[in-house]
Amino acid sequence: MALMTPEQFEESLKGLKPRVFMNGKRVENILTNKNTRTVVEANKASYEWALDPKYKDIMTCYSPLINDTVNRYTHVSTSIDELVKKAQAGTFTAEMLGTCIY
């Protein structure tokens, strides 16, 4: 699938059954758990930026696998330039969300 909206991304998560544990306890639903919900919201932001023409160059790229534009975070990098751009996207995301890259 090409670019998804933030809503499509969240909807796609509903079909998944990830095994997530926090503090030794299983998280039953990543969409409703207060800790994992923040991660979902951060990822939704990246989908929003990918649709914004202002951030197209940093947040999207062409995928020869599907012959379409995709979110840079879902793309399999095949060159040094693509890896550099993915790192730049990570820095941009950290700055926009106020998070740390470690």
C-alpha atoms as a PDB file:
ATOM      1  CA  MET A   1       0.000   0.000   0.000  1.00  0.00           C
ATOM      2  CA  ALA A   2       1.195   3.492  -0.770  1.00  0.00           C
ATOM      3  CA  LEU A   3       0.856   6.365   1.678  1.00  0.00           C
ATOM      4  CA  MET A   4      -1.711   5.862   4.428  1.00  0.00           C
ATOM      5  CA  THR A   5      -3.512   8.501   6.419  1.00  0.00           C
ATOM      6  CA  PRO A   6      -2.987   8.509  10.187  1.00  0.00           C
ATOM      7  CA  GLU A   7      -6.463   7.014  10.535  1.00  0.00           C
ATOM      8  CA  GLN A   8      -5.676   4.205   8.084  1.00  0.00           C
ATOM      9  CA  PHE A   9      -2.481   3.482   9.997  1.00  0.00           C
ATOM     10  CA  GLU A  10      -4.376   3.181  13.285  1.00  0.00           C
ATOM     11  CA  GLU A  11      -7.036   1.028  11.646  1.00  0.00           C
ATOM     12  CA  SER A  12      -4.299  -1.274  10.305  1.00  0.00           C
ATOM     13  CA  LEU A  13      -3.105  -1.856  13.865  1.00  0.00           C
ATOM     14  CA  LYS A  14      -6.477  -3.230  14.913  1.00  0.00           C
ATOM     15  CA  GLY A  15      -5.872  -6.378  12.884  1.00  0.00           C
ATOM     16  CA  LEU A  16      -2.548  -7.080  14.582  1.00  0.00           C
ATOM     17  CA  LYS A  17      -2.087  -9.104  17.739  1.00  0.00           C
ATOM     18  CA  PRO A  18       1.348  -8.032  18.995  1.00  0.00           C
ATOM     19  CA  ARG A  19       2.844  -9.647  22.083  1.00  0.00           C
ATOM     20  CA  VAL A  20       3.857  -6.620  24.121  1.00  0.00           C
ATOM     21  CA  PHE A  21       5.008  -6.727  27.729  1.00  0.00           C
ATOM     22  CA  MET A  22       5.694  -3.825  30.090  1.00  0.00           C
ATOM     23  CA  ASN A  23       7.040  -4.308  33.605  1.00  0.00           C
ATOM     24  CA  GLY A  24       6.521  -8.042  33.248  1.00  0.00           C
ATOM     25  CA  LYS A  25       2.823  -7.717  32.382  1.00  0.00           C
ATOM     26  CA  ARG A  26       1.231  -8.245  29.017  1.00  0.00           C
ATOM     27  CA  VAL A  27      -0.304  -5.262  27.257  1.00  0.00           C
ATOM     28  CA  GLU A  28      -3.632  -6.529  25.979  1.00  0.00           C
ATOM     29  CA  ASN A  29      -4.353  -3.661  23.591  1.00  0.00           C
ATOM     30  CA  ILE A  30      -1.685  -1.255  22.341  1.00  0.00           C
ATOM     31  CA  LEU A  31      -4.384   1.189  21.210  1.00  0.00           C
ATOM     32  CA  THR A  32      -5.902   1.641  24.666  1.00  0.00           C
ATOM     33  CA  ASN A  33      -2.901   1.194  26.961  1.00  0.00           C
ATOM     34  CA  LYS A  34      -1.802   4.632  28.203  1.00  0.00           C
ATOM     35  CA  ASN A  35       1.894   3.866  27.650  1.00  0.00           C
ATOM     36  CA  THR A  36       1.715   2.349  24.178  1.00  0.00           C
ATOM     37  CA  ARG A  37      -0.951   4.804  23.015  1.00  0.00           C
ATOM     38  CA  THR A  38       1.682   7.564  23.006  1.00  0.00           C
ATOM     39  CA  VAL A  39       3.777   5.494  20.590  1.00  0.00           C
ATOM     40  CA  VAL A  40       0.765   5.002  18.327  1.00  0.00           C
ATOM     41  CA  GLU A  41       0.110   8.762  18.347  1.00  0.00           C
ATOM     42  CA  ALA A  42       3.758   9.518  17.524  1.00  0.00           C
ATOM     43  CA  ASN A  43       3.622   7.135  14.576  1.00  0.00           C
ATOM     44  CA  LYS A  44       0.361   8.684  13.403  1.00  0.00           C
ATOM     45  CA  ALA A  45       2.143  12.043  13.353  1.00  0.00           C
ATOM     46  CA  SER A  46       4.725  10.637  10.941  1.00  0.00           C
ATOM     47  CA  TYR A  47       1.903   9.558   8.618  1.00  0.00           C
ATOM     48  CA  GLU A  48       0.407  13.059   8.814  1.00  0.00           C
ATOM     49  CA  TRP A  49       3.750  14.667   7.917  1.00  0.00           C
ATOM     50  CA  ALA A  50       4.182  12.266   4.996  1.00  0.00           C
ATOM     51  CA  LEU A  51       0.959  13.654   3.504  1.00  0.00           C
ATOM     52  CA  ASP A  52       1.980  17.282   4.040  1.00  0.00           C
ATOM     53  CA  PRO A  53       3.653  18.748   0.903  1.00  0.00           C
ATOM     54  CA  LYS A  54       5.933  20.769   3.206  1.00  0.00           C
ATOM     55  CA  TYR A  55       7.592  17.590   4.504  1.00  0.00           C
ATOM     56  CA  LYS A  56       7.325  15.378   1.404  1.00  0.00           C
ATOM     57  CA  ASP A  57      11.071  15.312   0.683  1.00  0.00           C
ATOM     58  CA  ILE A  58      12.044  14.180   4.154  1.00  0.00           C
ATOM     59  CA  MET A  59       9.099  11.937   5.067  1.00  0.00           C
ATOM     60  CA  THR A  60       8.443  10.071   1.808  1.00  0.00           C
ATOM     61  CA  CYS A  61      10.339   8.267  -0.905  1.00  0.00           C
ATOM     62  CA  TYR A  62       9.727   6.171  -3.995  1.00  0.00           C
ATOM     63  CA  SER A  63       9.510   2.413  -3.541  1.00  0.00           C
ATOM     64  CA  PRO A  64      10.388   0.300  -6.587  1.00  0.00           C
ATOM     65  CA  LEU A  65       8.776  -2.660  -4.800  1.00  0.00           C
ATOM     66  CA  ILE A  66       5.293  -1.222  -5.256  1.00  0.00           C
ATOM     67  CA  ASN A  67       6.075   1.472  -7.842  1.00  0.00           C
ATOM     68  CA  ASP A  68       4.645   4.209  -5.620  1.00  0.00           C
ATOM     69  CA  THR A  69       5.484   6.756  -2.949  1.00  0.00           C
ATOM     70  CA  VAL A  70       5.718   5.409   0.607  1.00  0.00           C
ATOM     71  CA  ASN A  71       6.382   6.673   4.112  1.00  0.00           C
ATOM     72  CA  ARG A  72      10.146   6.793   4.582  1.00  0.00           C
ATOM     73  CA  TYR A  73       9.863   4.796   7.819  1.00  0.00           C
ATOM     74  CA  THR A  74       8.297   1.834   6.009  1.00  0.00           C
ATOM     75  CA  HIS A  75      10.762   1.885   3.119  1.00  0.00           C
ATOM     76  CA  VAL A  76      13.641  -0.597   2.887  1.00  0.00           C
ATOM     77  CA  SER A  77      16.685   1.610   2.306  1.00  0.00           C
ATOM     78  CA  THR A  78      18.929   0.509  -0.554  1.00  0.00           C
ATOM     79  CA  SER A  79      21.522   3.273  -0.654  1.00  0.00           C
ATOM     80  CA  ILE A  80      23.628   5.444   1.608  1.00  0.00           C
ATOM     81  CA  ASP A  81      21.613   8.482   0.528  1.00  0.00           C
ATOM     82  CA  GLU A  82      18.372   6.792   1.600  1.00  0.00           C
ATOM     83  CA  LEU A  83      19.893   5.917   4.972  1.00  0.00           C
ATOM     84  CA  VAL A  84      21.012   9.520   5.461  1.00  0.00           C
ATOM     85  CA  LYS A  85      17.515  10.762   4.618  1.00  0.00           C
ATOM     86  CA  LYS A  86      15.972   8.245   7.028  1.00  0.00           C
ATOM     87  CA  ALA A  87      18.304   9.534   9.760  1.00  0.00           C
ATOM     88  CA  GLN A  88      17.279  13.107   8.902  1.00  0.00           C
ATOM     89  CA  ALA A  89      13.631  12.079   9.129  1.00  0.00           C
ATOM     90  CA  GLY A  90      14.349  10.629  12.570  1.00  0.00           C
ATOM     91  CA  THR A  91      15.953  13.872  13.711  1.00  0.00           C
ATOM     92  CA  PHE A  92      13.032  15.881  12.319  1.00  0.00           C
ATOM     93  CA  THR A  93      10.547  13.617  14.098  1.00  0.00           C
ATOM     94  CA  ALA A  94      12.425  13.885  17.394  1.00  0.00           C
ATOM     95  CA  GLU A  95      12.466  17.672  17.120  1.00  0.00           C
ATOM     96  CA  MET A  96       8.763  17.868  16.262  1.00  0.00           C
ATOM     97  CA  LEU A  97       7.675  15.468  19.013  1.00  0.00           C
ATOM     98  CA  GLY A  98      10.187  16.610  21.613  1.00  0.00           C
ATOM     99  CA  THR A  99      11.666  13.141  21.958  1.00  0.00           C
ATOM    100  CA  CYS A 100      15.191  11.807  22.237  1.00  0.00           C
ATOM    101  CA  ILE A 101      17.070   9.691  19.710  1.00  0.00           C
ATOM    102  CA  TYR A 102      19.271   7.162  21.438  1.00  0.00           C
END
